[in-house]
Amino acid sequence: MKSNDWKERLNVIYSTNPDFKYETLDEEEVNTIDKKQQKLRVSIEKKSRGGKTVTLIKGFVGAEDDLKELGKLLKTKCGVGGTVKDGEILIQGEFKLKIIEILKSEGYTQTK
């Protein structure tokens, strides 16, 4: 990889300093903790969703890929759509009890 990659410098103001070196923030990879130690919270929300009800799963600690995998599993088991963003899983519809059962059967014992 080049040390002066233009994609990392998008939206950066030009500098006339010949010694200027643009520094990027490297995000650390978060390790996913064990399923038994995850404290997931399942709730139902209607706010700012156009009157639609969604089931919200919060509290996942770990890598984004593992969160997306869990979201895909829940969407498949419930047979509905949803999304994973900002460290939360949104499932379309009111599936709180079903999702709690699914998470407990998958090994997430501290789910409420």
C-alpha atoms as a PDB file:
ATOM      1  CA  MET A   1       0.000   0.000   0.000  1.00  0.00           C
ATOM      2  CA  LYS A   2       1.259   3.454  -0.842  1.00  0.00           C
ATOM      3  CA  SER A   3       1.985   5.788   2.032  1.00  0.00           C
ATOM      4  CA  ASN A   4       0.216   8.616   0.187  1.00  0.00           C
ATOM      5  CA  ASP A   5      -3.104   6.968  -0.747  1.00  0.00           C
ATOM      6  CA  TRP A   6      -5.591   9.565  -2.081  1.00  0.00           C
ATOM      7  CA  LYS A   7      -8.708   7.733  -0.830  1.00  0.00           C
ATOM      8  CA  GLU A   8      -7.640   8.226   2.771  1.00  0.00           C
ATOM      9  CA  ARG A   9      -7.228  11.956   2.169  1.00  0.00           C
ATOM     10  CA  LEU A  10     -10.681  12.734   0.776  1.00  0.00           C
ATOM     11  CA  ASN A  11     -12.285  15.783   2.428  1.00  0.00           C
ATOM     12  CA  VAL A  12      -8.895  17.021   3.687  1.00  0.00           C
ATOM     13  CA  ILE A  13      -7.914  20.621   3.098  1.00  0.00           C
ATOM     14  CA  TYR A  14      -4.772  21.172   1.023  1.00  0.00           C
ATOM     15  CA  SER A  15      -1.615  22.085   2.907  1.00  0.00           C
ATOM     16  CA  THR A  16       1.208  24.251   1.543  1.00  0.00           C
ATOM     17  CA  ASN A  17       3.657  22.836   4.068  1.00  0.00           C
ATOM     18  CA  PRO A  18       6.105  20.607   2.120  1.00  0.00           C
ATOM     19  CA  ASP A  19       6.709  18.451   5.227  1.00  0.00           C
ATOM     20  CA  PHE A  20       3.011  17.820   5.894  1.00  0.00           C
ATOM     21  CA  LYS A  21       2.116  14.169   6.371  1.00  0.00           C
ATOM     22  CA  TYR A  22      -1.537  13.238   6.677  1.00  0.00           C
ATOM     23  CA  GLU A  23      -2.151  10.847   9.576  1.00  0.00           C
ATOM     24  CA  THR A  24      -5.046   8.424   9.535  1.00  0.00           C
ATOM     25  CA  LEU A  25      -6.788   7.047  12.587  1.00  0.00           C
ATOM     26  CA  ASP A  26      -6.346   3.307  12.723  1.00  0.00           C
ATOM     27  CA  GLU A  27      -9.294   1.570  14.349  1.00  0.00           C
ATOM     28  CA  GLU A  28      -8.358  -1.305  16.585  1.00  0.00           C
ATOM     29  CA  GLU A  29      -9.997  -4.643  15.925  1.00  0.00           C
ATOM     30  CA  VAL A  30     -12.312  -5.474  18.808  1.00  0.00           C
ATOM     31  CA  ASN A  31     -12.285  -9.078  19.948  1.00  0.00           C
ATOM     32  CA  THR A  32     -15.680 -10.682  20.372  1.00  0.00           C
ATOM     33  CA  ILE A  33     -16.249 -11.884  23.913  1.00  0.00           C
ATOM     34  CA  ASP A  34     -17.791 -15.271  24.684  1.00  0.00           C
ATOM     35  CA  LYS A  35     -21.530 -15.764  24.071  1.00  0.00           C
ATOM     36  CA  LYS A  36     -22.137 -16.509  27.749  1.00  0.00           C
ATOM     37  CA  GLN A  37     -20.606 -13.151  28.766  1.00  0.00           C
ATOM     38  CA  GLN A  38     -22.557 -11.041  26.237  1.00  0.00           C
ATOM     39  CA  LYS A  39     -25.201  -8.901  27.964  1.00  0.00           C
ATOM     40  CA  LEU A  40     -27.715  -8.366  25.178  1.00  0.00           C
ATOM     41  CA  ARG A  41     -30.830  -6.241  25.723  1.00  0.00           C
ATOM     42  CA  VAL A  42     -33.883  -6.757  23.520  1.00  0.00           C
ATOM     43  CA  SER A  43     -36.466  -3.977  23.325  1.00  0.00           C
ATOM     44  CA  ILE A  44     -39.291  -2.759  21.098  1.00  0.00           C
ATOM     45  CA  GLU A  45     -39.226   0.738  19.580  1.00  0.00           C
ATOM     46  CA  LYS A  46     -41.544   2.854  17.471  1.00  0.00           C
ATOM     47  CA  LYS A  47     -39.894   6.269  17.772  1.00  0.00           C
ATOM     48  CA  SER A  48     -38.682   8.006  14.600  1.00  0.00           C
ATOM     49  CA  ARG A  49     -39.529   5.015  12.405  1.00  0.00           C
ATOM     50  CA  GLY A  50     -42.648   6.312  10.715  1.00  0.00           C
ATOM     51  CA  GLY A  51     -44.956   4.408  13.060  1.00  0.00           C
ATOM     52  CA  LYS A  52     -43.348   1.070  12.244  1.00  0.00           C
ATOM     53  CA  THR A  53     -42.420  -1.248  15.093  1.00  0.00           C
ATOM     54  CA  VAL A  54     -38.894  -2.666  15.304  1.00  0.00           C
ATOM     55  CA  THR A  55     -37.204  -5.010  17.739  1.00  0.00           C
ATOM     56  CA  LEU A  56     -33.872  -3.578  18.851  1.00  0.00           C
ATOM     57  CA  ILE A  57     -30.961  -5.672  20.166  1.00  0.00           C
ATOM     58  CA  LYS A  58     -28.241  -3.695  21.999  1.00  0.00           C
ATOM     59  CA  GLY A  59     -25.167  -4.523  24.052  1.00  0.00           C
ATOM     60  CA  PHE A  60     -23.131  -6.688  21.673  1.00  0.00           C
ATOM     61  CA  VAL A  61     -19.398  -6.415  22.347  1.00  0.00           C
ATOM     62  CA  GLY A  62     -17.193  -7.574  19.522  1.00  0.00           C
ATOM     63  CA  ALA A  63     -16.242  -7.365  15.875  1.00  0.00           C
ATOM     64  CA  GLU A  64     -18.613  -5.861  13.324  1.00  0.00           C
ATOM     65  CA  ASP A  65     -18.546  -9.065  11.247  1.00  0.00           C
ATOM     66  CA  ASP A  66     -19.745 -11.155  14.214  1.00  0.00           C
ATOM     67  CA  LEU A  67     -22.559  -8.661  14.854  1.00  0.00           C
ATOM     68  CA  LYS A  68     -23.630  -8.850  11.200  1.00  0.00           C
ATOM     69  CA  GLU A  69     -23.569 -12.643  11.366  1.00  0.00           C
ATOM     70  CA  LEU A  70     -25.818 -12.604  14.459  1.00  0.00           C
ATOM     71  CA  GLY A  71     -28.153 -10.126  12.747  1.00  0.00           C
ATOM     72  CA  LYS A  72     -28.395 -12.364   9.694  1.00  0.00           C
ATOM     73  CA  LEU A  73     -29.196 -15.366  11.890  1.00  0.00           C
ATOM     74  CA  LEU A  74     -31.981 -13.481  13.704  1.00  0.00           C
ATOM     75  CA  LYS A  75     -33.477 -12.152  10.472  1.00  0.00           C
ATOM     76  CA  THR A  76     -33.479 -15.638   8.973  1.00  0.00           C
ATOM     77  CA  LYS A  77     -35.040 -17.310  12.026  1.00  0.00           C
ATOM     78  CA  CYS A  78     -37.754 -14.637  12.302  1.00  0.00           C
ATOM     79  CA  GLY A  79     -38.356 -14.567   8.539  1.00  0.00           C
ATOM     80  CA  VAL A  80     -38.283 -10.766   8.344  1.00  0.00           C
ATOM     81  CA  GLY A  81     -35.976  -7.962   7.260  1.00  0.00           C
ATOM     82  CA  GLY A  82     -33.740  -5.830   9.355  1.00  0.00           C
ATOM     83  CA  THR A  83     -30.373  -4.160   9.535  1.00  0.00           C
ATOM     84  CA  VAL A  84     -27.204  -3.901  11.597  1.00  0.00           C
ATOM     85  CA  LYS A  85     -25.889  -0.399  12.232  1.00  0.00           C
ATOM     86  CA  ASP A  86     -24.209   1.593  14.991  1.00  0.00           C
ATOM     87  CA  GLY A  87     -23.584  -1.565  17.026  1.00  0.00           C
ATOM     88  CA  GLU A  88     -27.288  -2.447  17.145  1.00  0.00           C
ATOM     89  CA  ILE A  89     -29.454  -4.997  15.380  1.00  0.00           C
ATOM     90  CA  LEU A  90     -32.835  -3.787  14.109  1.00  0.00           C
ATOM     91  CA  ILE A  91     -35.410  -6.456  13.256  1.00  0.00           C
ATOM     92  CA  GLN A  92     -38.612  -5.349  11.514  1.00  0.00           C
ATOM     93  CA  GLY A  93     -41.690  -6.181  13.572  1.00  0.00           C
ATOM     94  CA  GLU A  94     -42.448  -7.119  17.153  1.00  0.00           C
ATOM     95  CA  PHE A  95     -40.428 -10.271  17.887  1.00  0.00           C
ATOM     96  CA  LYS A  96     -39.086  -9.653  21.395  1.00  0.00           C
ATOM     97  CA  LEU A  97     -40.000 -13.014  22.952  1.00  0.00           C
ATOM     98  CA  LYS A  98     -39.021 -15.021  19.878  1.00  0.00           C
ATOM     99  CA  ILE A  99     -35.635 -13.278  19.647  1.00  0.00           C
ATOM    100  CA  ILE A 100     -34.939 -13.854  23.359  1.00  0.00           C
ATOM    101  CA  GLU A 101     -35.671 -17.566  22.869  1.00  0.00           C
ATOM    102  CA  ILE A 102     -33.433 -17.735  19.788  1.00  0.00           C
ATOM    103  CA  LEU A 103     -30.552 -15.942  21.536  1.00  0.00           C
ATOM    104  CA  LYS A 104     -30.780 -18.196  24.601  1.00  0.00           C
ATOM    105  CA  SER A 105     -30.811 -21.314  22.399  1.00  0.00           C
ATOM    106  CA  GLU A 106     -27.704 -19.982  20.603  1.00  0.00           C
ATOM    107  CA  GLY A 107     -25.836 -19.641  23.922  1.00  0.00           C
ATOM    108  CA  TYR A 108     -26.404 -15.969  24.830  1.00  0.00           C
ATOM    109  CA  THR A 109     -27.509 -16.740  28.392  1.00  0.00           C
ATOM    110  CA  GLN A 110     -27.495 -13.166  29.782  1.00  0.00           C
ATOM    111  CA  THR A 111     -30.188 -11.907  27.398  1.00  0.00           C
ATOM    112  CA  LYS A 112     -33.063  -9.810  28.748  1.00  0.00           C
END
